[in-house]
Amino acid sequence: MLDSDKLLARQMQNPFRHRQNASVALITLTVMLGTIMAIIDSTIVNVAIAKFQVVFGASTDAVQWVITGYLLSFAIMLAASG
């Protein structure tokens, strides 16, 4: 068999191969985007700690507990939503 015949035979076995590769790439991109958004969200919350203390008049310990609770609930919801 020629190489082109082998390629044609392989494509005939799975005609949706190109579509599967596109689906895998889309899933990978979605997971990466979600991960980056979670990291950005955590960074924004941690940068805003000083502002939280001033606005609410809370101690560092209290603000850290609130932020830890927020990030924990965010992680649970992220895992539960798929």
PDB file of N, CA and C in Angstrom:
ATOM      1  N   MET A   1       0.827  -1.191   0.000  1.00  0.00           N
ATOM      2  CA  MET A   1       0.000   0.000   0.000  1.00  0.00           C
ATOM      3  C   MET A   1       0.869   1.253   0.000  1.00  0.00           C
ATOM      4  N   LEU A   2       0.422   2.236  -0.667  1.00  0.00           N
ATOM      5  CA  LEU A   2       1.099   3.518  -0.657  1.00  0.00           C
ATOM      6  C   LEU A   2       0.749   4.281   0.617  1.00  0.00           C
ATOM      7  N   ASP A   3       1.540   5.289   0.920  1.00  0.00           N
ATOM      8  CA  ASP A   3       1.270   6.087   2.115  1.00  0.00           C
ATOM      9  C   ASP A   3      -0.086   6.778   2.036  1.00  0.00           C
ATOM     10  N   SER A   4      -0.444   7.246   0.854  1.00  0.00           N
ATOM     11  CA  SER A   4      -1.740   7.915   0.708  1.00  0.00           C
ATOM     12  C   SER A   4      -2.883   6.928   0.915  1.00  0.00           C
ATOM     13  N   ASP A   5      -2.688   5.677   0.519  1.00  0.00           N
ATOM     14  CA  ASP A   5      -3.717   4.664   0.734  1.00  0.00           C
ATOM     15  C   ASP A   5      -3.874   4.361   2.224  1.00  0.00           C
ATOM     16  N   LYS A   6      -2.754   4.321   2.943  1.00  0.00           N
ATOM     17  CA  LYS A   6      -2.807   4.095   4.392  1.00  0.00           C
ATOM     18  C   LYS A   6      -3.532   5.234   5.090  1.00  0.00           C
ATOM     19  N   LEU A   7      -3.232   6.464   4.662  1.00  0.00           N
ATOM     20  CA  LEU A   7      -3.879   7.625   5.253  1.00  0.00           C
ATOM     21  C   LEU A   7      -5.377   7.603   4.992  1.00  0.00           C
ATOM     22  N   LEU A   8      -5.758   7.269   3.772  1.00  0.00           N
ATOM     23  CA  LEU A   8      -7.170   7.182   3.418  1.00  0.00           C
ATOM     24  C   LEU A   8      -7.864   6.082   4.219  1.00  0.00           C
ATOM     25  N   ALA A   9      -7.204   4.951   4.382  1.00  0.00           N
ATOM     26  CA  ALA A   9      -7.785   3.855   5.162  1.00  0.00           C
ATOM     27  C   ALA A   9      -7.962   4.269   6.617  1.00  0.00           C
ATOM     28  N   ARG A  10      -7.002   4.992   7.172  1.00  0.00           N
ATOM     29  CA  ARG A  10      -7.093   5.451   8.558  1.00  0.00           C
ATOM     30  C   ARG A  10      -8.244   6.455   8.714  1.00  0.00           C
ATOM     31  N   GLN A  11      -8.418   7.343   7.742  1.00  0.00           N
ATOM     32  CA  GLN A  11      -9.499   8.316   7.802  1.00  0.00           C
ATOM     33  C   GLN A  11     -10.857   7.644   7.656  1.00  0.00           C
ATOM     34  N   MET A  12     -10.916   6.595   6.901  1.00  0.00           N
ATOM     35  CA  MET A  12     -12.173   5.880   6.723  1.00  0.00           C
ATOM     36  C   MET A  12     -12.584   5.170   8.013  1.00  0.00           C
ATOM     37  N   GLN A  13     -11.614   4.766   8.824  1.00  0.00           N
ATOM     38  CA  GLN A  13     -11.923   4.104  10.076  1.00  0.00           C
ATOM     39  C   GLN A  13     -12.574   5.072  11.058  1.00  0.00           C
ATOM     40  N   ASN A  14     -12.116   6.313  11.079  1.00  0.00           N
ATOM     41  CA  ASN A  14     -12.657   7.302  12.004  1.00  0.00           C
ATOM     42  C   ASN A  14     -12.836   8.629  11.273  1.00  0.00           C
ATOM     43  N   PRO A  15     -13.971   8.824  10.623  1.00  0.00           N
ATOM     44  CA  PRO A  15     -14.158  10.048   9.830  1.00  0.00           C
ATOM     45  C   PRO A  15     -14.321  11.302  10.683  1.00  0.00           C
ATOM     46  N   PHE A  16     -14.579  11.167  11.997  1.00  0.00           N
ATOM     47  CA  PHE A  16     -14.782  12.324  12.867  1.00  0.00           C
ATOM     48  C   PHE A  16     -13.537  12.655  13.685  1.00  0.00           C
ATOM     49  N   ARG A  17     -12.390  12.180  13.274  1.00  0.00           N
ATOM     50  CA  ARG A  17     -11.156  12.385  14.020  1.00  0.00           C
ATOM     51  C   ARG A  17     -10.832  13.872  14.178  1.00  0.00           C
ATOM     52  N   HIS A  18     -11.009  14.647  13.123  1.00  0.00           N
ATOM     53  CA  HIS A  18     -10.729  16.085  13.184  1.00  0.00           C
ATOM     54  C   HIS A  18     -11.651  16.765  14.192  1.00  0.00           C
ATOM     55  N   ARG A  19     -12.906  16.357  14.199  1.00  0.00           N
ATOM     56  CA  ARG A  19     -13.864  16.947  15.137  1.00  0.00           C
ATOM     57  C   ARG A  19     -13.514  16.595  16.579  1.00  0.00           C
ATOM     58  N   GLN A  20     -13.025  15.384  16.827  1.00  0.00           N
ATOM     59  CA  GLN A  20     -12.625  14.981  18.166  1.00  0.00           C
ATOM     60  C   GLN A  20     -11.435  15.800  18.638  1.00  0.00           C
ATOM     61  N   ASN A  21     -10.476  16.049  17.757  1.00  0.00           N
ATOM     62  CA  ASN A  21      -9.324  16.860  18.126  1.00  0.00           C
ATOM     63  C   ASN A  21      -9.745  18.277  18.475  1.00  0.00           C
ATOM     64  N   ALA A  22     -10.700  18.824  17.751  1.00  0.00           N
ATOM     65  CA  ALA A  22     -11.201  20.166  18.045  1.00  0.00           C
ATOM     66  C   ALA A  22     -11.911  20.181  19.394  1.00  0.00           C
ATOM     67  N   SER A  23     -12.650  19.124  19.706  1.00  0.00           N
ATOM     68  CA  SER A  23     -13.345  19.054  20.997  1.00  0.00           C
ATOM     69  C   SER A  23     -12.354  18.987  22.147  1.00  0.00           C
ATOM     70  N   VAL A  24     -11.320  18.212  21.989  1.00  0.00           N
ATOM     71  CA  VAL A  24     -10.296  18.104  23.031  1.00  0.00           C
ATOM     72  C   VAL A  24      -9.616  19.452  23.232  1.00  0.00           C
ATOM     73  N   ALA A  25      -9.333  20.146  22.156  1.00  0.00           N
ATOM     74  CA  ALA A  25      -8.701  21.462  22.266  1.00  0.00           C
ATOM     75  C   ALA A  25      -9.634  22.455  22.947  1.00  0.00           C
ATOM     76  N   LEU A  26     -10.914  22.409  22.653  1.00  0.00           N
ATOM     77  CA  LEU A  26     -11.876  23.310  23.274  1.00  0.00           C
ATOM     78  C   LEU A  26     -12.021  23.015  24.765  1.00  0.00           C
ATOM     79  N   ILE A  27     -12.052  21.760  25.132  1.00  0.00           N
ATOM     80  CA  ILE A  27     -12.138  21.383  26.546  1.00  0.00           C
ATOM     81  C   ILE A  27     -10.889  21.841  27.286  1.00  0.00           C
ATOM     82  N   THR A  28      -9.733  21.629  26.687  1.00  0.00           N
ATOM     83  CA  THR A  28      -8.483  22.054  27.314  1.00  0.00           C
ATOM     84  C   THR A  28      -8.451  23.563  27.497  1.00  0.00           C
ATOM     85  N   LEU A  29      -8.868  24.289  26.496  1.00  0.00           N
ATOM     86  CA  LEU A  29      -8.903  25.746  26.584  1.00  0.00           C
ATOM     87  C   LEU A  29      -9.851  26.217  27.677  1.00  0.00           C
ATOM     88  N   THR A  30     -11.005  25.575  27.802  1.00  0.00           N
ATOM     89  CA  THR A  30     -11.971  25.940  28.833  1.00  0.00           C
ATOM     90  C   THR A  30     -11.425  25.691  30.234  1.00  0.00           C
ATOM     91  N   VAL A  31     -10.775  24.566  30.432  1.00  0.00           N
ATOM     92  CA  VAL A  31     -10.187  24.257  31.736  1.00  0.00           C
ATOM     93  C   VAL A  31      -9.077  25.246  32.075  1.00  0.00           C
ATOM     94  N   MET A  32      -8.256  25.573  31.092  1.00  0.00           N
ATOM     95  CA  MET A  32      -7.182  26.534  31.328  1.00  0.00           C
ATOM     96  C   MET A  32      -7.736  27.913  31.667  1.00  0.00           C
ATOM     97  N   LEU A  33      -8.766  28.342  30.976  1.00  0.00           N
ATOM     98  CA  LEU A  33      -9.372  29.638  31.249  1.00  0.00           C
ATOM     99  C   LEU A  33      -9.987  29.675  32.646  1.00  0.00           C
ATOM    100  N   GLY A  34     -10.661  28.606  33.029  1.00  0.00           N
ATOM    101  CA  GLY A  34     -11.227  28.530  34.373  1.00  0.00           C
ATOM    102  C   GLY A  34     -10.167  28.574  35.454  1.00  0.00           C
ATOM    103  N   THR A  35      -9.057  27.896  35.232  1.00  0.00           N
ATOM    104  CA  THR A  35      -7.963  27.900  36.201  1.00  0.00           C
ATOM    105  C   THR A  35      -7.346  29.288  36.328  1.00  0.00           C
ATOM    106  N   ILE A  36      -7.142  29.940  35.205  1.00  0.00           N
ATOM    107  CA  ILE A  36      -6.572  31.292  35.236  1.00  0.00           C
ATOM    108  C   ILE A  36      -7.522  32.253  35.935  1.00  0.00           C
ATOM    109  N   MET A  37      -8.821  32.121  35.702  1.00  0.00           N
ATOM    110  CA  MET A  37      -9.791  32.997  36.365  1.00  0.00           C
ATOM    111  C   MET A  37      -9.785  32.779  37.877  1.00  0.00           C
ATOM    112  N   ALA A  38      -9.635  31.541  38.327  1.00  0.00           N
ATOM    113  CA  ALA A  38      -9.573  31.268  39.758  1.00  0.00           C
ATOM    114  C   ALA A  38      -8.328  31.896  40.380  1.00  0.00           C
ATOM    115  N   ILE A  39      -7.209  31.827  39.691  1.00  0.00           N
ATOM    116  CA  ILE A  39      -5.978  32.428  40.186  1.00  0.00           C
ATOM    117  C   ILE A  39      -6.104  33.945  40.240  1.00  0.00           C
ATOM    118  N   ILE A  40      -6.660  34.536  39.196  1.00  0.00           N
ATOM    119  CA  ILE A  40      -6.851  35.995  39.176  1.00  0.00           C
ATOM    120  C   ILE A  40      -7.800  36.421  40.292  1.00  0.00           C
ATOM    121  N   ASP A  41      -8.866  35.665  40.510  1.00  0.00           N
ATOM    122  CA  ASP A  41      -9.827  35.980  41.562  1.00  0.00           C
ATOM    123  C   ASP A  41      -9.156  35.964  42.934  1.00  0.00           C
ATOM    124  N   SER A  42      -8.354  34.942  43.200  1.00  0.00           N
ATOM    125  CA  SER A  42      -7.643  34.855  44.472  1.00  0.00           C
ATOM    126  C   SER A  42      -6.666  36.016  44.643  1.00  0.00           C
ATOM    127  N   THR A  43      -5.996  36.391  43.578  1.00  0.00           N
ATOM    128  CA  THR A  43      -5.038  37.488  43.638  1.00  0.00           C
ATOM    129  C   THR A  43      -5.742  38.810  43.927  1.00  0.00           C
ATOM    130  N   ILE A  44      -6.858  39.050  43.281  1.00  0.00           N
ATOM    131  CA  ILE A  44      -7.603  40.289  43.515  1.00  0.00           C
ATOM    132  C   ILE A  44      -8.067  40.367  44.964  1.00  0.00           C
ATOM    133  N   VAL A  45      -8.564  39.270  45.494  1.00  0.00           N
ATOM    134  CA  VAL A  45      -9.028  39.259  46.888  1.00  0.00           C
ATOM    135  C   VAL A  45      -7.863  39.527  47.836  1.00  0.00           C
ATOM    136  N   ASN A  46      -6.716  38.923  47.592  1.00  0.00           N
ATOM    137  CA  ASN A  46      -5.571  39.131  48.477  1.00  0.00           C
ATOM    138  C   ASN A  46      -5.005  40.544  48.377  1.00  0.00           C
ATOM    139  N   VAL A  47      -5.082  41.159  47.219  1.00  0.00           N
ATOM    140  CA  VAL A  47      -4.617  42.539  47.070  1.00  0.00           C
ATOM    141  C   VAL A  47      -5.547  43.495  47.810  1.00  0.00           C
ATOM    142  N   ALA A  48      -6.812  43.156  47.894  1.00  0.00           N
ATOM    143  CA  ALA A  48      -7.798  44.035  48.528  1.00  0.00           C
ATOM    144  C   ALA A  48      -7.861  43.898  50.043  1.00  0.00           C
ATOM    145  N   ILE A  49      -6.995  43.110  50.640  1.00  0.00           N
ATOM    146  CA  ILE A  49      -7.032  42.908  52.091  1.00  0.00           C
ATOM    147  C   ILE A  49      -6.917  44.230  52.843  1.00  0.00           C
ATOM    148  N   ALA A  50      -5.988  45.086  52.460  1.00  0.00           N
ATOM    149  CA  ALA A  50      -5.793  46.365  53.162  1.00  0.00           C
ATOM    150  C   ALA A  50      -7.054  47.226  53.097  1.00  0.00           C
ATOM    151  N   LYS A  51      -7.699  47.258  51.943  1.00  0.00           N
ATOM    152  CA  LYS A  51      -8.926  48.044  51.792  1.00  0.00           C
ATOM    153  C   LYS A  51     -10.044  47.471  52.660  1.00  0.00           C
ATOM    154  N   PHE A  52     -10.134  46.140  52.747  1.00  0.00           N
ATOM    155  CA  PHE A  52     -11.138  45.509  53.605  1.00  0.00           C
ATOM    156  C   PHE A  52     -10.942  45.938  55.060  1.00  0.00           C
ATOM    157  N   GLN A  53      -9.701  45.979  55.502  1.00  0.00           N
ATOM    158  CA  GLN A  53      -9.422  46.355  56.878  1.00  0.00           C
ATOM    159  C   GLN A  53      -9.855  47.791  57.164  1.00  0.00           C
ATOM    160  N   VAL A  54      -9.576  48.689  56.250  1.00  0.00           N
ATOM    161  CA  VAL A  54      -9.927  50.096  56.445  1.00  0.00           C
ATOM    162  C   VAL A  54     -11.440  50.289  56.414  1.00  0.00           C
ATOM    163  N   VAL A  55     -12.101  49.720  55.427  1.00  0.00           N
ATOM    164  CA  VAL A  55     -13.541  49.930  55.252  1.00  0.00           C
ATOM    165  C   VAL A  55     -14.342  49.311  56.391  1.00  0.00           C
ATOM    166  N   PHE A  56     -13.985  48.102  56.797  1.00  0.00           N
ATOM    167  CA  PHE A  56     -14.763  47.400  57.815  1.00  0.00           C
ATOM    168  C   PHE A  56     -14.194  47.543  59.217  1.00  0.00           C
ATOM    169  N   GLY A  57     -13.020  48.131  59.348  1.00  0.00           N
ATOM    170  CA  GLY A  57     -12.405  48.303  60.665  1.00  0.00           C
ATOM    171  C   GLY A  57     -12.096  46.975  61.344  1.00  0.00           C
ATOM    172  N   ALA A  58     -11.699  45.997  60.568  1.00  0.00           N
ATOM    173  CA  ALA A  58     -11.451  44.653  61.094  1.00  0.00           C
ATOM    174  C   ALA A  58      -9.956  44.411  61.280  1.00  0.00           C
ATOM    175  N   SER A  59      -9.642  43.451  62.130  1.00  0.00           N
ATOM    176  CA  SER A  59      -8.238  43.080  62.329  1.00  0.00           C
ATOM    177  C   SER A  59      -7.771  42.205  61.168  1.00  0.00           C
ATOM    178  N   THR A  60      -6.460  42.027  61.094  1.00  0.00           N
ATOM    179  CA  THR A  60      -5.900  41.193  60.030  1.00  0.00           C
ATOM    180  C   THR A  60      -6.402  39.756  60.133  1.00  0.00           C
ATOM    181  N   ASP A  61      -6.493  39.260  61.377  1.00  0.00           N
ATOM    182  CA  ASP A  61      -6.965  37.882  61.572  1.00  0.00           C
ATOM    183  C   ASP A  61      -8.402  37.702  61.070  1.00  0.00           C
ATOM    184  N   ALA A  62      -9.259  38.655  61.380  1.00  0.00           N
ATOM    185  CA  ALA A  62     -10.660  38.549  60.965  1.00  0.00           C
ATOM    186  C   ALA A  62     -10.773  38.579  59.441  1.00  0.00           C
ATOM    187  N   VAL A  63     -10.032  39.470  58.804  1.00  0.00           N
ATOM    188  CA  VAL A  63     -10.078  39.566  57.340  1.00  0.00           C
ATOM    189  C   VAL A  63      -9.528  38.287  56.708  1.00  0.00           C
ATOM    190  N   GLN A  64      -8.461  37.744  57.269  1.00  0.00           N
ATOM    191  CA  GLN A  64      -7.900  36.498  56.726  1.00  0.00           C
ATOM    192  C   GLN A  64      -8.895  35.350  56.840  1.00  0.00           C
ATOM    193  N   TRP A  65      -9.642  35.287  57.956  1.00  0.00           N
ATOM    194  CA  TRP A  65     -10.640  34.230  58.105  1.00  0.00           C
ATOM    195  C   TRP A  65     -11.760  34.377  57.081  1.00  0.00           C
ATOM    196  N   VAL A  66     -12.169  35.608  56.833  1.00  0.00           N
ATOM    197  CA  VAL A  66     -13.217  35.836  55.837  1.00  0.00           C
ATOM    198  C   VAL A  66     -12.723  35.443  54.449  1.00  0.00           C
ATOM    199  N   ILE A  67     -11.502  35.824  54.120  1.00  0.00           N
ATOM    200  CA  ILE A  67     -10.946  35.492  52.810  1.00  0.00           C
ATOM    201  C   ILE A  67     -10.740  33.986  52.668  1.00  0.00           C
ATOM    202  N   THR A  68     -10.285  33.335  53.716  1.00  0.00           N
ATOM    203  CA  THR A  68     -10.119  31.886  53.678  1.00  0.00           C
ATOM    204  C   THR A  68     -11.465  31.193  53.465  1.00  0.00           C
ATOM    205  N   GLY A  69     -12.487  31.666  54.159  1.00  0.00           N
ATOM    206  CA  GLY A  69     -13.825  31.108  53.965  1.00  0.00           C
ATOM    207  C   GLY A  69     -14.337  31.320  52.554  1.00  0.00           C
ATOM    208  N   TYR A  70     -14.081  32.507  52.008  1.00  0.00           N
ATOM    209  CA  TYR A  70     -14.506  32.798  50.636  1.00  0.00           C
ATOM    210  C   TYR A  70     -13.812  31.870  49.646  1.00  0.00           C
ATOM    211  N   LEU A  71     -12.493  31.747  49.765  1.00  0.00           N
ATOM    212  CA  LEU A  71     -11.752  30.906  48.826  1.00  0.00           C
ATOM    213  C   LEU A  71     -12.109  29.432  48.981  1.00  0.00           C
ATOM    214  N   LEU A  72     -12.373  28.998  50.208  1.00  0.00           N
ATOM    215  CA  LEU A  72     -12.794  27.614  50.432  1.00  0.00           C
ATOM    216  C   LEU A  72     -14.150  27.340  49.790  1.00  0.00           C
ATOM    217  N   SER A  73     -15.098  28.247  49.995  1.00  0.00           N
ATOM    218  CA  SER A  73     -16.424  28.055  49.378  1.00  0.00           C
ATOM    219  C   SER A  73     -16.327  28.139  47.856  1.00  0.00           C
ATOM    220  N   PHE A  74     -15.461  29.016  47.340  1.00  0.00           N
ATOM    221  CA  PHE A  74     -15.263  29.113  45.906  1.00  0.00           C
ATOM    222  C   PHE A  74     -14.708  27.799  45.352  1.00  0.00           C
ATOM    223  N   ALA A  75     -13.735  27.217  46.043  1.00  0.00           N
ATOM    224  CA  ALA A  75     -13.140  25.959  45.595  1.00  0.00           C
ATOM    225  C   ALA A  75     -14.170  24.821  45.611  1.00  0.00           C
ATOM    226  N   ILE A  76     -15.009  24.786  46.630  1.00  0.00           N
ATOM    227  CA  ILE A  76     -16.035  23.743  46.721  1.00  0.00           C
ATOM    228  C   ILE A  76     -17.050  23.896  45.587  1.00  0.00           C
ATOM    229  N   MET A  77     -17.474  25.121  45.346  1.00  0.00           N
ATOM    230  CA  MET A  77     -18.446  25.356  44.269  1.00  0.00           C
ATOM    231  C   MET A  77     -17.840  25.073  42.890  1.00  0.00           C
ATOM    232  N   LEU A  78     -16.566  25.395  42.734  1.00  0.00           N
ATOM    233  CA  LEU A  78     -15.895  25.128  41.474  1.00  0.00           C
ATOM    234  C   LEU A  78     -15.820  23.616  41.201  1.00  0.00           C
ATOM    235  N   ALA A  79     -15.486  22.866  42.249  1.00  0.00           N
ATOM    236  CA  ALA A  79     -15.405  21.411  42.095  1.00  0.00           C
ATOM    237  C   ALA A  79     -16.795  20.804  41.892  1.00  0.00           C
ATOM    238  N   ALA A  80     -17.791  21.345  42.574  1.00  0.00           N
ATOM    239  CA  ALA A  80     -19.139  20.790  42.460  1.00  0.00           C
ATOM    240  C   ALA A  80     -19.790  21.105  41.119  1.00  0.00           C
ATOM    241  N   SER A  81     -19.390  22.207  40.517  1.00  0.00           N
ATOM    242  CA  SER A  81     -20.024  22.593  39.254  1.00  0.00           C
ATOM    243  C   SER A  81     -19.401  21.897  38.049  1.00  0.00           C
ATOM    244  N   GLY A  82     -18.353  21.169  38.276  1.00  0.00           N
ATOM    245  CA  GLY A  82     -17.845  20.352  37.192  1.00  0.00           C
ATOM    246  C   GLY A  82     -16.512  20.764  36.740  1.00  0.00           C
TER     247      GLY A  82
END
